Amino acid sequence: MIASPFEETPTPRPMRVRRARVLLVEDEALIALTLKMMLEIDMGLEVVGPIARLDEAIEAAKTEPLDLALLDVAIIGGEVYPVANILQERNVPIIFHTGHGLKEDLTAFYRCSEVYSKPTDDAVLRNAMTRMIAGPAAGTG
């Protein structure tokens, strides 16, 4: 059957592209807000957090769809390793942004991770996050 030129064709709906989701775990308020603004405004990412408490971070790591995590090691309630363990099981890449912990120990145990000492230049963090989100392990959590 030939379509009449007078029939209206439905207007295609614009596709919604899902923004990459980043879990932000940081208990220092100024650093947390600065990172959140960089992630959302500069990079166009969706931020889960900032989360300052270990119990809340564990829950988010278990339940949230995530493409990347940016974790401080020492937070309210303890060290962030239980969160990192959950994320590793889910194949979510991790960036440790910390003043604590040995880089070699963290990257040896957490295979999809990188470690940056505070303070880290924003451009360095942006580059690392962009690379890790685009990497082969990203998007499986």
C-alpha atoms as a PDB file:
ATOM      1  CA  MET A   1       0.000   0.000   0.000  1.00  0.00           C
ATOM      2  CA  ILE A   2       1.341   3.444  -0.925  1.00  0.00           C
ATOM      3  CA  ALA A   3       1.278   6.076   1.782  1.00  0.00           C
ATOM      4  CA  SER A   4      -0.732   9.157   0.995  1.00  0.00           C
ATOM      5  CA  PRO A   5       1.219  12.412   1.027  1.00  0.00           C
ATOM      6  CA  PHE A   6      -1.571  13.823   3.175  1.00  0.00           C
ATOM      7  CA  GLU A   7      -1.184  11.322   5.991  1.00  0.00           C
ATOM      8  CA  GLU A   8       0.734  12.538   8.971  1.00  0.00           C
ATOM      9  CA  THR A   9       3.779  10.569   9.858  1.00  0.00           C
ATOM     10  CA  PRO A  10       4.558  10.337  13.540  1.00  0.00           C
ATOM     11  CA  THR A  11       7.347  12.593  14.702  1.00  0.00           C
ATOM     12  CA  PRO A  12      10.183  10.493  16.034  1.00  0.00           C
ATOM     13  CA  ARG A  13      10.854  10.908  19.710  1.00  0.00           C
ATOM     14  CA  PRO A  14      14.289  12.205  20.584  1.00  0.00           C
ATOM     15  CA  MET A  15      16.465   9.493  22.099  1.00  0.00           C
ATOM     16  CA  ARG A  16      17.510  10.002  25.694  1.00  0.00           C
ATOM     17  CA  VAL A  17      21.150   9.251  26.104  1.00  0.00           C
ATOM     18  CA  ARG A  18      22.042   7.984  29.541  1.00  0.00           C
ATOM     19  CA  ARG A  19      24.790   9.985  31.146  1.00  0.00           C
ATOM     20  CA  ALA A  20      27.592   8.049  32.799  1.00  0.00           C
ATOM     21  CA  ARG A  21      27.006   7.671  36.541  1.00  0.00           C
ATOM     22  CA  VAL A  22      29.792   8.248  39.041  1.00  0.00           C
ATOM     23  CA  LEU A  23      29.703   7.283  42.702  1.00  0.00           C
ATOM     24  CA  LEU A  24      31.396  10.074  44.661  1.00  0.00           C
ATOM     25  CA  VAL A  25      32.508   9.130  48.176  1.00  0.00           C
ATOM     26  CA  GLU A  26      34.191  12.000  50.007  1.00  0.00           C
ATOM     27  CA  ASP A  27      33.769  13.241  53.577  1.00  0.00           C
ATOM     28  CA  GLU A  28      35.504  16.621  53.295  1.00  0.00           C
ATOM     29  CA  ALA A  29      32.683  19.006  52.364  1.00  0.00           C
ATOM     30  CA  LEU A  30      34.685  21.489  50.293  1.00  0.00           C
ATOM     31  CA  ILE A  31      36.425  18.764  48.292  1.00  0.00           C
ATOM     32  CA  ALA A  32      33.126  16.904  47.820  1.00  0.00           C
ATOM     33  CA  LEU A  33      31.322  19.968  46.459  1.00  0.00           C
ATOM     34  CA  THR A  34      34.234  20.913  44.201  1.00  0.00           C
ATOM     35  CA  LEU A  35      34.386  17.391  42.752  1.00  0.00           C
ATOM     36  CA  LYS A  36      30.608  17.228  42.320  1.00  0.00           C
ATOM     37  CA  MET A  37      30.604  20.496  40.378  1.00  0.00           C
ATOM     38  CA  MET A  38      33.472  19.302  38.183  1.00  0.00           C
ATOM     39  CA  LEU A  39      31.742  15.988  37.462  1.00  0.00           C
ATOM     40  CA  GLU A  40      28.326  17.483  36.710  1.00  0.00           C
ATOM     41  CA  ILE A  41      29.115  20.836  35.136  1.00  0.00           C
ATOM     42  CA  ASP A  42      32.492  20.333  33.472  1.00  0.00           C
ATOM     43  CA  MET A  43      32.081  16.687  32.477  1.00  0.00           C
ATOM     44  CA  GLY A  44      28.297  16.266  32.135  1.00  0.00           C
ATOM     45  CA  LEU A  45      28.247  13.174  34.351  1.00  0.00           C
ATOM     46  CA  GLU A  46      25.499  12.099  36.732  1.00  0.00           C
ATOM     47  CA  VAL A  47      26.760  12.002  40.305  1.00  0.00           C
ATOM     48  CA  VAL A  48      25.579   9.612  42.991  1.00  0.00           C
ATOM     49  CA  GLY A  49      26.593  11.530  46.098  1.00  0.00           C
ATOM     50  CA  PRO A  50      28.663  12.965  47.464  1.00  0.00           C
ATOM     51  CA  ILE A  51      28.440  10.359  50.190  1.00  0.00           C
ATOM     52  CA  ALA A  52      30.471  10.845  53.375  1.00  0.00           C
ATOM     53  CA  ARG A  53      29.444   7.812  55.457  1.00  0.00           C
ATOM     54  CA  LEU A  54      30.665   4.265  54.962  1.00  0.00           C
ATOM     55  CA  ASP A  55      27.254   2.616  55.509  1.00  0.00           C
ATOM     56  CA  GLU A  56      25.602   4.859  52.903  1.00  0.00           C
ATOM     57  CA  ALA A  57      28.450   4.285  50.454  1.00  0.00           C
ATOM     58  CA  ILE A  58      28.122   0.510  50.844  1.00  0.00           C
ATOM     59  CA  GLU A  59      24.390   0.710  50.086  1.00  0.00           C
ATOM     60  CA  ALA A  60      24.975   2.861  46.991  1.00  0.00           C
ATOM     61  CA  ALA A  61      27.725   0.530  45.768  1.00  0.00           C
ATOM     62  CA  LYS A  62      25.316  -2.406  46.038  1.00  0.00           C
ATOM     63  CA  THR A  63      22.247  -0.816  44.454  1.00  0.00           C
ATOM     64  CA  GLU A  64      23.119   2.040  42.086  1.00  0.00           C
ATOM     65  CA  PRO A  65      23.869   1.571  38.386  1.00  0.00           C
ATOM     66  CA  LEU A  66      27.429   2.910  38.106  1.00  0.00           C
ATOM     67  CA  ASP A  67      30.058   3.480  35.439  1.00  0.00           C
ATOM     68  CA  LEU A  68      32.838   4.727  37.730  1.00  0.00           C
ATOM     69  CA  ALA A  69      33.584   5.440  41.382  1.00  0.00           C
ATOM     70  CA  LEU A  70      35.683   8.238  42.834  1.00  0.00           C
ATOM     71  CA  LEU A  71      36.550   7.219  46.389  1.00  0.00           C
ATOM     72  CA  ASP A  72      38.329   8.830  49.313  1.00  0.00           C
ATOM     73  CA  VAL A  73      39.888   6.080  51.451  1.00  0.00           C
ATOM     74  CA  ALA A  74      39.292   7.424  54.974  1.00  0.00           C
ATOM     75  CA  ILE A  75      35.656   8.466  55.428  1.00  0.00           C
ATOM     76  CA  ILE A  76      33.152   8.715  58.268  1.00  0.00           C
ATOM     77  CA  GLY A  77      32.667   5.222  59.654  1.00  0.00           C
ATOM     78  CA  GLY A  78      35.976   3.713  58.508  1.00  0.00           C
ATOM     79  CA  GLU A  79      37.977   2.996  55.407  1.00  0.00           C
ATOM     80  CA  VAL A  80      36.269   2.658  52.030  1.00  0.00           C
ATOM     81  CA  TYR A  81      37.558  -0.846  51.211  1.00  0.00           C
ATOM     82  CA  PRO A  82      34.199  -2.631  51.689  1.00  0.00           C
ATOM     83  CA  VAL A  83      32.768  -0.263  49.051  1.00  0.00           C
ATOM     84  CA  ALA A  84      35.709  -0.917  46.722  1.00  0.00           C
ATOM     85  CA  ASN A  85      35.259  -4.684  47.167  1.00  0.00           C
ATOM     86  CA  ILE A  86      31.606  -4.457  46.082  1.00  0.00           C
ATOM     87  CA  LEU A  87      32.503  -2.255  43.116  1.00  0.00           C
ATOM     88  CA  GLN A  88      35.256  -4.628  42.027  1.00  0.00           C
ATOM     89  CA  GLU A  89      32.788  -7.542  42.097  1.00  0.00           C
ATOM     90  CA  ARG A  90      30.530  -5.455  39.827  1.00  0.00           C
ATOM     91  CA  ASN A  91      33.446  -4.531  37.502  1.00  0.00           C
ATOM     92  CA  VAL A  92      33.040  -0.819  38.200  1.00  0.00           C
ATOM     93  CA  PRO A  93      36.325   1.069  37.667  1.00  0.00           C
ATOM     94  CA  ILE A  94      37.602   2.894  40.751  1.00  0.00           C
ATOM     95  CA  ILE A  95      39.657   6.031  41.235  1.00  0.00           C
ATOM     96  CA  PHE A  96      41.009   6.368  44.748  1.00  0.00           C
ATOM     97  CA  HIS A  97      41.470  10.091  45.478  1.00  0.00           C
ATOM     98  CA  THR A  98      43.143  10.051  48.827  1.00  0.00           C
ATOM     99  CA  GLY A  99      45.703  11.250  51.268  1.00  0.00           C
ATOM    100  CA  HIS A 100      46.002   7.697  52.652  1.00  0.00           C
ATOM    101  CA  GLY A 101      47.015   4.320  51.312  1.00  0.00           C
ATOM    102  CA  LEU A 102      49.859   3.030  49.239  1.00  0.00           C
ATOM    103  CA  LYS A 103      49.328   3.347  45.511  1.00  0.00           C
ATOM    104  CA  GLU A 104      50.983   0.033  44.663  1.00  0.00           C
ATOM    105  CA  ASP A 105      48.939  -1.873  47.258  1.00  0.00           C
ATOM    106  CA  LEU A 106      45.635  -0.431  46.073  1.00  0.00           C
ATOM    107  CA  THR A 107      46.244  -0.916  42.347  1.00  0.00           C
ATOM    108  CA  ALA A 108      47.581  -4.440  42.931  1.00  0.00           C
ATOM    109  CA  PHE A 109      44.468  -5.522  44.813  1.00  0.00           C
ATOM    110  CA  TYR A 110      41.857  -3.515  42.878  1.00  0.00           C
ATOM    111  CA  ARG A 111      42.565  -4.449  39.260  1.00  0.00           C
ATOM    112  CA  CYS A 112      40.379  -1.729  37.662  1.00  0.00           C
ATOM    113  CA  SER A 113      41.672   1.131  39.761  1.00  0.00           C
ATOM    114  CA  GLU A 114      43.961   4.113  39.734  1.00  0.00           C
ATOM    115  CA  VAL A 115      45.210   6.082  42.728  1.00  0.00           C
ATOM    116  CA  TYR A 116      45.723   9.847  42.945  1.00  0.00           C
ATOM    117  CA  SER A 117      47.001  11.659  46.018  1.00  0.00           C
ATOM    118  CA  LYS A 118      45.189  14.737  47.289  1.00  0.00           C
ATOM    119  CA  PRO A 119      45.406  17.356  46.020  1.00  0.00           C
ATOM    120  CA  THR A 120      45.281  16.269  42.385  1.00  0.00           C
ATOM    121  CA  ASP A 121      45.004  18.685  39.490  1.00  0.00           C
ATOM    122  CA  ASP A 122      41.439  18.726  38.096  1.00  0.00           C
ATOM    123  CA  ALA A 123      42.682  18.117  34.552  1.00  0.00           C
ATOM    124  CA  VAL A 124      44.479  14.942  35.676  1.00  0.00           C
ATOM    125  CA  LEU A 125      41.319  13.639  37.379  1.00  0.00           C
ATOM    126  CA  ARG A 126      39.129  14.538  34.381  1.00  0.00           C
ATOM    127  CA  ASN A 127      41.491  12.720  32.029  1.00  0.00           C
ATOM    128  CA  ALA A 128      41.577   9.621  34.230  1.00  0.00           C
ATOM    129  CA  MET A 129      37.787   9.542  34.618  1.00  0.00           C
ATOM    130  CA  THR A 130      37.169  10.011  30.903  1.00  0.00           C
ATOM    131  CA  ARG A 131      39.609   7.228  30.063  1.00  0.00           C
ATOM    132  CA  MET A 132      38.198   4.831  32.660  1.00  0.00           C
ATOM    133  CA  ILE A 133      34.559   5.432  31.707  1.00  0.00           C
ATOM    134  CA  ALA A 134      35.423   4.687  28.069  1.00  0.00           C
ATOM    135  CA  GLY A 135      37.539   1.646  29.006  1.00  0.00           C
ATOM    136  CA  PRO A 136      36.632  -2.012  28.463  1.00  0.00           C
ATOM    137  CA  ALA A 137      35.477  -2.630  32.052  1.00  0.00           C
ATOM    138  CA  ALA A 138      33.236   0.436  32.201  1.00  0.00           C
ATOM    139  CA  GLY A 139      29.476   0.228  32.094  1.00  0.00           C
ATOM    140  CA  THR A 140      29.132  -3.306  33.363  1.00  0.00           C
ATOM    141  CA  GLY A 141      28.030  -2.377  36.881  1.00  0.00           C
END
